[in-house]
N, C-alpha and C. Protein backbone atom coordinates (compact mmCIF):
# COMPACT_ATOMS: atom_id res chain seq x y z
N UNK A 1 118.25 -31.22 -104.24
CA UNK A 1 117.03 -31.37 -105.05
C UNK A 1 115.83 -31.51 -104.13
N UNK A 2 114.75 -30.94 -104.53
CA UNK A 2 113.52 -31.10 -103.77
C UNK A 2 112.50 -31.86 -104.59
N UNK A 3 112.15 -33.03 -104.12
CA UNK A 3 111.12 -33.81 -104.82
C UNK A 3 109.75 -33.15 -104.75
N UNK A 4 109.60 -32.16 -103.89
CA UNK A 4 108.32 -31.45 -103.76
C UNK A 4 108.26 -30.19 -104.61
N UNK A 5 109.32 -29.89 -105.37
CA UNK A 5 109.35 -28.72 -106.23
C UNK A 5 109.05 -29.15 -107.66
N UNK A 6 107.93 -28.67 -108.20
CA UNK A 6 107.49 -29.04 -109.54
C UNK A 6 107.52 -27.82 -110.45
N UNK A 7 107.98 -28.01 -111.68
CA UNK A 7 108.08 -26.92 -112.64
C UNK A 7 107.03 -27.11 -113.74
N UNK A 8 106.40 -26.00 -114.10
CA UNK A 8 105.56 -25.93 -115.29
C UNK A 8 106.33 -25.02 -116.25
N UNK A 9 106.70 -25.55 -117.40
CA UNK A 9 107.46 -24.78 -118.38
C UNK A 9 106.76 -24.83 -119.73
N UNK A 10 107.34 -24.18 -120.70
CA UNK A 10 106.78 -24.15 -122.05
C UNK A 10 106.96 -22.78 -122.65
N UNK A 11 106.38 -22.57 -123.78
CA UNK A 11 106.48 -21.28 -124.45
C UNK A 11 105.50 -20.28 -123.89
N UNK A 12 105.66 -19.02 -124.28
CA UNK A 12 104.72 -17.99 -123.84
C UNK A 12 103.33 -18.24 -124.44
N UNK A 13 102.31 -17.88 -123.67
CA UNK A 13 100.95 -17.98 -124.17
C UNK A 13 100.39 -19.38 -124.24
N UNK A 14 100.97 -20.31 -123.45
CA UNK A 14 100.50 -21.70 -123.46
C UNK A 14 99.61 -22.03 -122.26
N UNK A 15 99.30 -21.02 -121.46
CA UNK A 15 98.39 -21.23 -120.33
C UNK A 15 99.06 -21.55 -119.01
N UNK A 16 100.37 -21.36 -118.91
CA UNK A 16 101.09 -21.67 -117.67
C UNK A 16 100.61 -20.82 -116.49
N UNK A 17 100.57 -19.52 -116.70
CA UNK A 17 100.23 -18.62 -115.60
C UNK A 17 98.78 -18.83 -115.15
N UNK A 18 97.87 -19.04 -116.08
CA UNK A 18 96.48 -19.32 -115.71
C UNK A 18 96.39 -20.61 -114.91
N UNK A 19 97.16 -21.60 -115.30
CA UNK A 19 97.20 -22.87 -114.57
C UNK A 19 97.74 -22.66 -113.16
N UNK A 20 98.83 -21.93 -113.04
CA UNK A 20 99.45 -21.67 -111.72
C UNK A 20 98.46 -20.90 -110.84
N UNK A 21 97.76 -19.94 -111.42
CA UNK A 21 96.77 -19.17 -110.66
C UNK A 21 95.67 -20.08 -110.13
N UNK A 22 95.20 -21.00 -110.96
CA UNK A 22 94.16 -21.95 -110.52
C UNK A 22 94.69 -22.86 -109.41
N UNK A 23 95.92 -23.31 -109.54
CA UNK A 23 96.49 -24.18 -108.49
C UNK A 23 96.66 -23.42 -107.18
N UNK A 24 97.04 -22.15 -107.24
CA UNK A 24 97.14 -21.32 -106.03
C UNK A 24 95.76 -21.16 -105.40
N UNK A 25 94.74 -20.96 -106.23
CA UNK A 25 93.38 -20.83 -105.72
C UNK A 25 92.95 -22.08 -104.96
N UNK A 26 93.48 -23.23 -105.37
CA UNK A 26 93.17 -24.50 -104.72
C UNK A 26 94.01 -24.75 -103.47
N UNK A 27 94.92 -23.85 -103.16
CA UNK A 27 95.70 -23.98 -101.94
C UNK A 27 97.12 -24.50 -102.11
N UNK A 28 97.53 -24.74 -103.33
CA UNK A 28 98.92 -25.17 -103.56
C UNK A 28 99.86 -23.98 -103.37
N UNK A 29 101.06 -24.27 -102.89
CA UNK A 29 102.12 -23.26 -102.89
C UNK A 29 102.57 -23.08 -104.33
N UNK A 30 102.61 -21.85 -104.79
CA UNK A 30 103.03 -21.59 -106.16
C UNK A 30 104.06 -20.46 -106.18
N UNK A 31 104.88 -20.46 -107.22
CA UNK A 31 105.89 -19.42 -107.41
C UNK A 31 105.66 -18.84 -108.80
N UNK A 32 105.39 -17.53 -108.89
CA UNK A 32 105.11 -16.93 -110.18
C UNK A 32 106.34 -16.85 -111.08
N UNK A 33 106.08 -16.71 -112.37
CA UNK A 33 107.15 -16.52 -113.36
C UNK A 33 107.89 -15.22 -113.07
N UNK A 34 109.20 -15.26 -113.17
CA UNK A 34 110.00 -14.05 -112.91
C UNK A 34 110.02 -13.10 -114.09
N UNK A 35 109.92 -13.60 -115.31
CA UNK A 35 110.07 -12.77 -116.50
C UNK A 35 109.14 -11.58 -116.55
N UNK A 36 107.86 -11.81 -116.31
CA UNK A 36 106.90 -10.69 -116.38
C UNK A 36 107.18 -9.64 -115.31
N UNK A 37 107.55 -10.09 -114.10
CA UNK A 37 107.86 -9.14 -113.02
C UNK A 37 109.08 -8.30 -113.39
N UNK A 38 110.08 -8.93 -113.99
CA UNK A 38 111.28 -8.21 -114.39
C UNK A 38 110.92 -7.18 -115.46
N UNK A 39 110.12 -7.58 -116.43
CA UNK A 39 109.71 -6.64 -117.49
C UNK A 39 108.99 -5.44 -116.88
N UNK A 40 108.05 -5.69 -115.98
CA UNK A 40 107.31 -4.58 -115.34
C UNK A 40 108.28 -3.67 -114.58
N UNK A 41 109.20 -4.26 -113.80
CA UNK A 41 110.16 -3.47 -113.02
C UNK A 41 111.06 -2.62 -113.93
N UNK A 42 111.55 -3.24 -114.99
CA UNK A 42 112.46 -2.55 -115.90
C UNK A 42 111.76 -1.42 -116.66
N UNK A 43 110.55 -1.67 -117.11
CA UNK A 43 109.80 -0.63 -117.81
C UNK A 43 109.52 0.53 -116.87
N UNK A 44 109.10 0.21 -115.65
CA UNK A 44 108.78 1.26 -114.67
C UNK A 44 110.01 2.08 -114.30
N UNK A 45 111.18 1.43 -114.17
CA UNK A 45 112.39 2.13 -113.75
C UNK A 45 113.20 2.71 -114.91
N UNK A 46 112.78 2.40 -116.14
CA UNK A 46 113.52 2.85 -117.31
C UNK A 46 114.77 2.03 -117.59
N UNK A 47 114.82 0.83 -117.02
CA UNK A 47 115.97 -0.05 -117.21
C UNK A 47 115.94 -0.73 -118.57
N UNK A 48 117.03 -1.42 -118.90
CA UNK A 48 117.09 -2.08 -120.21
C UNK A 48 117.23 -3.60 -120.12
N UNK A 49 117.09 -4.18 -118.94
CA UNK A 49 117.16 -5.64 -118.81
C UNK A 49 115.84 -6.24 -119.30
N UNK A 50 115.62 -6.09 -120.59
CA UNK A 50 114.37 -6.50 -121.23
C UNK A 50 114.69 -7.46 -122.38
N UNK A 51 113.78 -8.38 -122.68
CA UNK A 51 114.06 -9.33 -123.76
C UNK A 51 114.18 -8.66 -125.13
N UNK A 52 113.69 -7.46 -125.30
CA UNK A 52 113.80 -6.78 -126.58
C UNK A 52 114.87 -5.69 -126.55
N UNK A 53 115.61 -5.58 -125.42
CA UNK A 53 116.64 -4.54 -125.33
C UNK A 53 118.01 -5.12 -124.95
N UNK A 54 118.05 -5.92 -123.89
CA UNK A 54 119.32 -6.45 -123.39
C UNK A 54 119.08 -7.86 -122.87
N UNK A 55 119.08 -8.81 -123.77
CA UNK A 55 118.75 -10.19 -123.42
C UNK A 55 119.69 -10.80 -122.37
N UNK A 56 121.01 -10.59 -122.47
CA UNK A 56 121.87 -11.16 -121.42
C UNK A 56 121.54 -10.61 -120.02
N UNK A 57 121.27 -9.31 -119.92
CA UNK A 57 120.91 -8.72 -118.62
C UNK A 57 119.57 -9.27 -118.14
N UNK A 58 118.62 -9.43 -119.06
CA UNK A 58 117.31 -10.00 -118.72
C UNK A 58 117.50 -11.42 -118.18
N UNK A 59 118.32 -12.22 -118.84
CA UNK A 59 118.58 -13.60 -118.40
C UNK A 59 119.23 -13.62 -117.02
N UNK A 60 120.16 -12.73 -116.78
CA UNK A 60 120.81 -12.67 -115.47
C UNK A 60 119.82 -12.31 -114.38
N UNK A 61 118.93 -11.38 -114.66
CA UNK A 61 117.89 -11.02 -113.68
C UNK A 61 116.95 -12.19 -113.41
N UNK A 62 116.61 -12.93 -114.47
CA UNK A 62 115.76 -14.12 -114.27
C UNK A 62 116.47 -15.12 -113.36
N UNK A 63 117.74 -15.37 -113.63
CA UNK A 63 118.50 -16.31 -112.83
C UNK A 63 118.51 -15.88 -111.36
N UNK A 64 118.80 -14.63 -111.10
CA UNK A 64 118.85 -14.13 -109.73
C UNK A 64 117.50 -14.24 -109.03
N UNK A 65 116.46 -13.83 -109.72
CA UNK A 65 115.13 -13.86 -109.11
C UNK A 65 114.67 -15.29 -108.87
N UNK A 66 114.97 -16.19 -109.83
CA UNK A 66 114.57 -17.58 -109.68
C UNK A 66 115.36 -18.28 -108.58
N UNK A 67 116.62 -17.92 -108.40
CA UNK A 67 117.41 -18.47 -107.29
C UNK A 67 116.82 -18.02 -105.96
N UNK A 68 116.44 -16.76 -105.86
CA UNK A 68 115.81 -16.25 -104.64
C UNK A 68 114.51 -16.98 -104.35
N UNK A 69 113.71 -17.19 -105.39
CA UNK A 69 112.42 -17.89 -105.22
C UNK A 69 112.65 -19.34 -104.78
N UNK A 70 113.63 -19.99 -105.38
CA UNK A 70 113.95 -21.38 -105.03
C UNK A 70 114.36 -21.45 -103.56
N UNK A 71 115.20 -20.53 -103.15
CA UNK A 71 115.67 -20.49 -101.77
C UNK A 71 114.51 -20.25 -100.80
N UNK A 72 113.65 -19.29 -101.13
CA UNK A 72 112.50 -18.98 -100.26
C UNK A 72 111.55 -20.16 -100.17
N UNK A 73 111.41 -20.92 -101.24
CA UNK A 73 110.48 -22.06 -101.27
C UNK A 73 110.95 -23.20 -100.36
N UNK A 74 112.22 -23.19 -99.99
CA UNK A 74 112.74 -24.24 -99.10
C UNK A 74 111.99 -24.26 -97.77
N UNK A 75 111.46 -23.12 -97.36
CA UNK A 75 110.75 -23.03 -96.09
C UNK A 75 109.33 -23.57 -96.15
N UNK A 76 108.83 -23.87 -97.34
CA UNK A 76 107.45 -24.34 -97.50
C UNK A 76 107.37 -25.86 -97.35
N UNK A 77 106.20 -26.33 -96.93
CA UNK A 77 105.98 -27.77 -96.84
C UNK A 77 104.96 -28.18 -97.88
N UNK A 78 105.09 -29.40 -98.36
CA UNK A 78 104.19 -29.90 -99.39
C UNK A 78 104.65 -29.47 -100.77
N UNK A 79 103.87 -29.82 -101.79
CA UNK A 79 104.26 -29.48 -103.16
C UNK A 79 104.33 -27.97 -103.39
N UNK A 80 105.35 -27.56 -104.14
CA UNK A 80 105.49 -26.17 -104.57
C UNK A 80 105.56 -26.21 -106.09
N UNK A 81 104.73 -25.43 -106.74
CA UNK A 81 104.65 -25.45 -108.20
C UNK A 81 105.18 -24.13 -108.74
N UNK A 82 106.22 -24.22 -109.54
CA UNK A 82 106.92 -23.06 -110.10
C UNK A 82 106.45 -22.79 -111.52
N UNK A 83 106.13 -21.54 -111.79
CA UNK A 83 105.86 -21.09 -113.16
C UNK A 83 107.23 -20.79 -113.76
N UNK A 84 107.82 -21.79 -114.37
CA UNK A 84 109.18 -21.81 -114.91
C UNK A 84 110.19 -22.08 -113.79
N UNK A 85 111.31 -22.68 -114.17
CA UNK A 85 112.38 -22.98 -113.23
C UNK A 85 113.70 -22.43 -113.72
N UNK A 86 114.74 -22.63 -112.95
CA UNK A 86 116.07 -22.13 -113.31
C UNK A 86 116.54 -22.62 -114.68
N UNK A 87 116.26 -23.86 -115.08
CA UNK A 87 116.67 -24.28 -116.43
C UNK A 87 116.05 -23.46 -117.55
N UNK A 88 114.95 -22.77 -117.28
CA UNK A 88 114.34 -21.92 -118.31
C UNK A 88 115.29 -20.81 -118.74
N UNK A 89 116.13 -20.32 -117.81
CA UNK A 89 117.10 -19.29 -118.19
C UNK A 89 118.12 -19.86 -119.18
N UNK A 90 118.57 -21.06 -118.92
CA UNK A 90 119.47 -21.75 -119.85
C UNK A 90 118.80 -21.92 -121.21
N UNK A 91 117.55 -22.35 -121.21
CA UNK A 91 116.79 -22.51 -122.45
C UNK A 91 116.60 -21.19 -123.18
N UNK A 92 116.33 -20.13 -122.43
CA UNK A 92 116.13 -18.81 -123.03
C UNK A 92 117.39 -18.35 -123.76
N UNK A 93 118.53 -18.49 -123.10
CA UNK A 93 119.79 -18.09 -123.74
C UNK A 93 120.05 -18.91 -125.00
N UNK A 94 119.78 -20.21 -124.92
CA UNK A 94 119.95 -21.09 -126.08
C UNK A 94 119.03 -20.67 -127.21
N UNK A 95 117.77 -20.43 -126.89
CA UNK A 95 116.79 -19.99 -127.88
C UNK A 95 117.24 -18.72 -128.59
N UNK A 96 117.83 -17.80 -127.84
CA UNK A 96 118.26 -16.51 -128.39
C UNK A 96 119.59 -16.59 -129.12
N UNK A 97 120.21 -17.77 -129.10
CA UNK A 97 121.51 -17.92 -129.76
C UNK A 97 122.63 -17.21 -129.02
N UNK A 98 122.44 -17.00 -127.71
CA UNK A 98 123.45 -16.33 -126.91
C UNK A 98 124.36 -17.35 -126.21
N UNK A 99 125.55 -16.94 -125.90
CA UNK A 99 126.47 -17.79 -125.15
C UNK A 99 125.90 -18.01 -123.75
N UNK A 100 125.92 -19.23 -123.31
CA UNK A 100 125.46 -19.55 -121.96
C UNK A 100 126.65 -19.40 -121.01
N UNK A 101 126.60 -18.41 -120.11
CA UNK A 101 127.69 -18.26 -119.16
C UNK A 101 127.84 -19.52 -118.30
N UNK A 102 129.06 -19.89 -117.94
CA UNK A 102 129.27 -21.11 -117.14
C UNK A 102 128.46 -21.13 -115.84
N UNK A 103 128.28 -19.97 -115.19
CA UNK A 103 127.53 -19.97 -113.93
C UNK A 103 126.04 -20.29 -114.16
N UNK A 104 125.51 -19.94 -115.32
CA UNK A 104 124.11 -20.26 -115.62
C UNK A 104 123.96 -21.76 -115.83
N UNK A 105 124.85 -22.35 -116.61
CA UNK A 105 124.80 -23.80 -116.85
C UNK A 105 125.00 -24.57 -115.54
N UNK A 106 125.94 -24.13 -114.71
CA UNK A 106 126.21 -24.81 -113.45
C UNK A 106 125.01 -24.72 -112.51
N UNK A 107 124.37 -23.56 -112.46
CA UNK A 107 123.20 -23.38 -111.60
C UNK A 107 122.05 -24.26 -112.06
N UNK A 108 121.82 -24.31 -113.37
CA UNK A 108 120.73 -25.14 -113.91
C UNK A 108 120.97 -26.62 -113.61
N UNK A 109 122.21 -27.04 -113.61
CA UNK A 109 122.53 -28.44 -113.32
C UNK A 109 122.44 -28.75 -111.83
N UNK A 110 122.86 -27.81 -110.99
CA UNK A 110 122.97 -28.06 -109.55
C UNK A 110 121.67 -27.83 -108.77
N UNK A 111 120.85 -26.92 -109.23
CA UNK A 111 119.63 -26.58 -108.50
C UNK A 111 118.49 -27.41 -109.08
N UNK A 112 118.11 -28.44 -108.35
CA UNK A 112 117.22 -29.45 -108.91
C UNK A 112 115.80 -29.32 -108.40
N UNK A 113 114.89 -29.76 -109.27
CA UNK A 113 113.46 -29.85 -108.97
C UNK A 113 113.07 -31.32 -109.05
N UNK A 114 111.79 -31.59 -108.82
CA UNK A 114 111.30 -32.95 -109.03
C UNK A 114 111.65 -33.38 -110.45
N UNK A 115 111.98 -34.64 -110.60
CA UNK A 115 112.39 -35.15 -111.92
C UNK A 115 111.30 -34.96 -112.98
N UNK A 116 110.04 -34.95 -112.55
CA UNK A 116 108.93 -34.76 -113.49
C UNK A 116 108.69 -33.27 -113.70
N UNK A 117 108.80 -32.82 -114.93
CA UNK A 117 108.55 -31.43 -115.30
C UNK A 117 107.36 -31.40 -116.23
N UNK A 118 106.46 -30.48 -115.97
CA UNK A 118 105.23 -30.37 -116.77
C UNK A 118 105.44 -29.32 -117.86
N UNK A 119 105.19 -29.73 -119.09
CA UNK A 119 105.34 -28.85 -120.24
C UNK A 119 103.96 -28.45 -120.76
N UNK A 120 103.72 -27.14 -120.77
CA UNK A 120 102.52 -26.61 -121.43
C UNK A 120 102.93 -26.39 -122.88
N UNK A 121 102.47 -27.24 -123.79
CA UNK A 121 102.91 -27.13 -125.19
C UNK A 121 102.31 -25.90 -125.86
N UNK A 122 102.94 -25.50 -126.95
CA UNK A 122 102.39 -24.39 -127.72
C UNK A 122 100.93 -24.71 -128.06
N UNK A 123 100.08 -23.71 -127.91
CA UNK A 123 98.65 -23.90 -128.11
C UNK A 123 98.14 -22.68 -128.89
N UNK A 124 98.08 -22.82 -130.19
CA UNK A 124 97.73 -21.71 -131.06
C UNK A 124 96.38 -21.09 -130.71
N UNK A 125 95.43 -21.91 -130.29
CA UNK A 125 94.07 -21.42 -130.02
C UNK A 125 94.02 -20.42 -128.86
N UNK A 126 94.95 -20.47 -127.93
CA UNK A 126 94.91 -19.55 -126.79
C UNK A 126 96.05 -18.53 -126.81
N UNK A 127 96.98 -18.67 -127.73
CA UNK A 127 98.13 -17.77 -127.77
C UNK A 127 97.68 -16.34 -128.05
N UNK A 128 98.19 -15.40 -127.23
CA UNK A 128 97.92 -13.97 -127.44
C UNK A 128 99.17 -13.18 -127.09
N UNK A 129 99.41 -12.13 -127.81
CA UNK A 129 100.48 -11.21 -127.48
C UNK A 129 99.92 -10.10 -126.60
N UNK A 130 100.79 -9.47 -125.82
CA UNK A 130 100.40 -8.31 -125.04
C UNK A 130 101.63 -7.42 -124.85
N UNK A 131 101.54 -6.43 -123.98
CA UNK A 131 102.63 -5.48 -123.80
C UNK A 131 103.91 -6.14 -123.28
N UNK A 132 103.77 -7.24 -122.55
CA UNK A 132 104.93 -7.94 -121.99
C UNK A 132 105.28 -9.18 -122.79
N UNK A 133 104.34 -9.72 -123.51
CA UNK A 133 104.56 -10.93 -124.33
C UNK A 133 104.53 -10.51 -125.78
N UNK A 134 105.71 -10.21 -126.30
CA UNK A 134 105.81 -9.70 -127.66
C UNK A 134 106.23 -10.77 -128.66
N UNK A 135 106.47 -11.99 -128.19
CA UNK A 135 106.94 -13.05 -129.09
C UNK A 135 105.86 -13.40 -130.11
N UNK A 136 106.32 -13.78 -131.29
CA UNK A 136 105.42 -14.26 -132.34
C UNK A 136 104.99 -15.68 -132.02
N UNK A 137 104.02 -16.17 -132.77
CA UNK A 137 103.61 -17.57 -132.62
C UNK A 137 104.79 -18.51 -132.87
N UNK A 138 105.58 -18.21 -133.90
CA UNK A 138 106.74 -19.06 -134.22
C UNK A 138 107.74 -19.07 -133.07
N UNK A 139 107.98 -17.92 -132.46
CA UNK A 139 108.89 -17.85 -131.32
C UNK A 139 108.33 -18.61 -130.12
N UNK A 140 107.03 -18.52 -129.90
CA UNK A 140 106.40 -19.23 -128.79
C UNK A 140 106.53 -20.74 -128.99
N UNK A 141 106.30 -21.19 -130.20
CA UNK A 141 106.43 -22.63 -130.49
C UNK A 141 107.88 -23.09 -130.34
N UNK A 142 108.82 -22.28 -130.81
CA UNK A 142 110.24 -22.61 -130.68
C UNK A 142 110.66 -22.65 -129.21
N UNK A 143 110.10 -21.75 -128.41
CA UNK A 143 110.41 -21.74 -126.98
C UNK A 143 109.97 -23.03 -126.33
N UNK A 144 108.79 -23.49 -126.66
CA UNK A 144 108.30 -24.76 -126.11
C UNK A 144 109.25 -25.90 -126.45
N UNK A 145 109.70 -25.95 -127.69
CA UNK A 145 110.63 -27.00 -128.13
C UNK A 145 111.95 -26.91 -127.39
N UNK A 146 112.50 -25.70 -127.25
CA UNK A 146 113.78 -25.53 -126.56
C UNK A 146 113.66 -25.90 -125.08
N UNK A 147 112.55 -25.57 -124.45
CA UNK A 147 112.39 -25.91 -123.03
C UNK A 147 112.32 -27.43 -122.86
N UNK A 148 111.63 -28.10 -123.76
CA UNK A 148 111.58 -29.57 -123.71
C UNK A 148 113.01 -30.13 -123.82
N UNK A 149 113.76 -29.63 -124.79
CA UNK A 149 115.13 -30.11 -125.01
C UNK A 149 116.04 -29.79 -123.83
N UNK A 150 115.90 -28.60 -123.27
CA UNK A 150 116.75 -28.18 -122.16
C UNK A 150 116.53 -29.05 -120.93
N UNK A 151 115.28 -29.22 -120.55
CA UNK A 151 114.98 -30.02 -119.36
C UNK A 151 115.35 -31.49 -119.58
N UNK A 152 115.09 -32.01 -120.77
CA UNK A 152 115.44 -33.39 -121.07
C UNK A 152 116.95 -33.60 -120.97
N UNK A 153 117.73 -32.66 -121.51
CA UNK A 153 119.19 -32.76 -121.45
C UNK A 153 119.71 -32.72 -120.01
N UNK A 154 118.95 -32.09 -119.12
CA UNK A 154 119.33 -32.03 -117.71
C UNK A 154 118.82 -33.23 -116.91
N UNK A 155 118.20 -34.19 -117.58
CA UNK A 155 117.77 -35.41 -116.92
C UNK A 155 116.36 -35.41 -116.37
N UNK A 156 115.57 -34.42 -116.73
CA UNK A 156 114.19 -34.37 -116.28
C UNK A 156 113.31 -35.18 -117.22
N UNK A 157 112.19 -35.66 -116.68
CA UNK A 157 111.20 -36.40 -117.47
C UNK A 157 110.05 -35.43 -117.77
N UNK A 158 109.77 -35.23 -119.04
CA UNK A 158 108.73 -34.29 -119.45
C UNK A 158 107.37 -34.96 -119.46
N UNK A 159 106.41 -34.32 -118.81
CA UNK A 159 105.01 -34.71 -118.88
C UNK A 159 104.28 -33.58 -119.58
N UNK A 160 103.80 -33.84 -120.79
CA UNK A 160 103.11 -32.80 -121.54
C UNK A 160 101.69 -32.66 -121.03
N UNK A 161 101.31 -31.44 -120.72
CA UNK A 161 99.95 -31.16 -120.25
C UNK A 161 99.00 -31.15 -121.44
N UNK A 162 97.79 -31.65 -121.22
CA UNK A 162 96.82 -31.64 -122.33
C UNK A 162 96.33 -30.22 -122.62
N UNK A 163 95.93 -30.00 -123.84
CA UNK A 163 95.37 -28.71 -124.26
C UNK A 163 93.87 -28.75 -123.95
N UNK A 164 93.56 -28.51 -122.68
CA UNK A 164 92.17 -28.51 -122.22
C UNK A 164 91.97 -27.30 -121.31
N UNK A 165 90.72 -27.05 -120.94
CA UNK A 165 90.38 -25.90 -120.10
C UNK A 165 91.19 -25.91 -118.80
N UNK A 166 91.31 -24.74 -118.19
CA UNK A 166 92.18 -24.56 -117.03
C UNK A 166 91.84 -25.49 -115.87
N UNK A 167 90.58 -25.57 -115.48
CA UNK A 167 90.23 -26.39 -114.30
C UNK A 167 90.55 -27.87 -114.52
N UNK A 168 90.15 -28.48 -115.65
CA UNK A 168 90.54 -29.88 -115.86
C UNK A 168 92.06 -30.04 -116.00
N UNK A 169 92.72 -29.05 -116.58
CA UNK A 169 94.18 -29.11 -116.71
C UNK A 169 94.82 -29.08 -115.32
N UNK A 170 94.28 -28.25 -114.44
CA UNK A 170 94.77 -28.20 -113.05
C UNK A 170 94.51 -29.52 -112.34
N UNK A 171 93.38 -30.16 -112.64
CA UNK A 171 93.08 -31.47 -112.05
C UNK A 171 94.17 -32.47 -112.44
N UNK A 172 94.56 -32.47 -113.72
CA UNK A 172 95.59 -33.38 -114.22
C UNK A 172 96.90 -33.18 -113.46
N UNK A 173 97.32 -31.94 -113.34
CA UNK A 173 98.58 -31.66 -112.66
C UNK A 173 98.48 -31.97 -111.17
N UNK A 174 97.40 -31.55 -110.53
CA UNK A 174 97.25 -31.77 -109.09
C UNK A 174 97.32 -33.26 -108.73
N UNK A 175 96.69 -34.09 -109.53
CA UNK A 175 96.74 -35.54 -109.26
C UNK A 175 98.16 -36.07 -109.29
N UNK A 176 98.98 -35.49 -110.15
CA UNK A 176 100.34 -36.01 -110.33
C UNK A 176 101.34 -35.46 -109.30
N UNK A 177 101.04 -34.34 -108.67
CA UNK A 177 101.98 -33.80 -107.68
C UNK A 177 101.67 -34.23 -106.26
N UNK A 178 100.49 -34.76 -106.02
CA UNK A 178 100.16 -35.20 -104.66
C UNK A 178 100.28 -36.71 -104.49
N UNK A 179 100.56 -37.43 -105.56
CA UNK A 179 100.71 -38.89 -105.48
C UNK A 179 102.02 -39.27 -104.85
């Protein structure tokens, strides 16, 4: 476990990526969300490991990419802030009603982050769909709930981020990861 590895999780469209971008601008080490990169790669290559085509394959790609990112982050010093963590794959499978393969559950349990996990709650006022984010508002809200439950079940302490503008929201998170 790395006490310097912090996760920002939640549903789609809750401001996670904007927050991570702001923290990177401030000089924090950050790790981008794997889901969007996988979607772009799969669409470009004509693959089907997509959340609307082959959810189990999409989840496996997320797990692989997130394990690689976790491993690469070991070389960094100071706080590292992840846009989603390995437990998000477990939560995604649960949300979709899919069987969680034993290796996914084992990886989520064994690969640890700081005990404090930051949850960007569903935020209707900023939620937007796009070519890669096709989930409905109801799905986005359900995702936030499942991520809270998933991380809590794994022994993490959830800190809900306030629904405020990006810079003050980044201030809130930054104060808590450097203490």
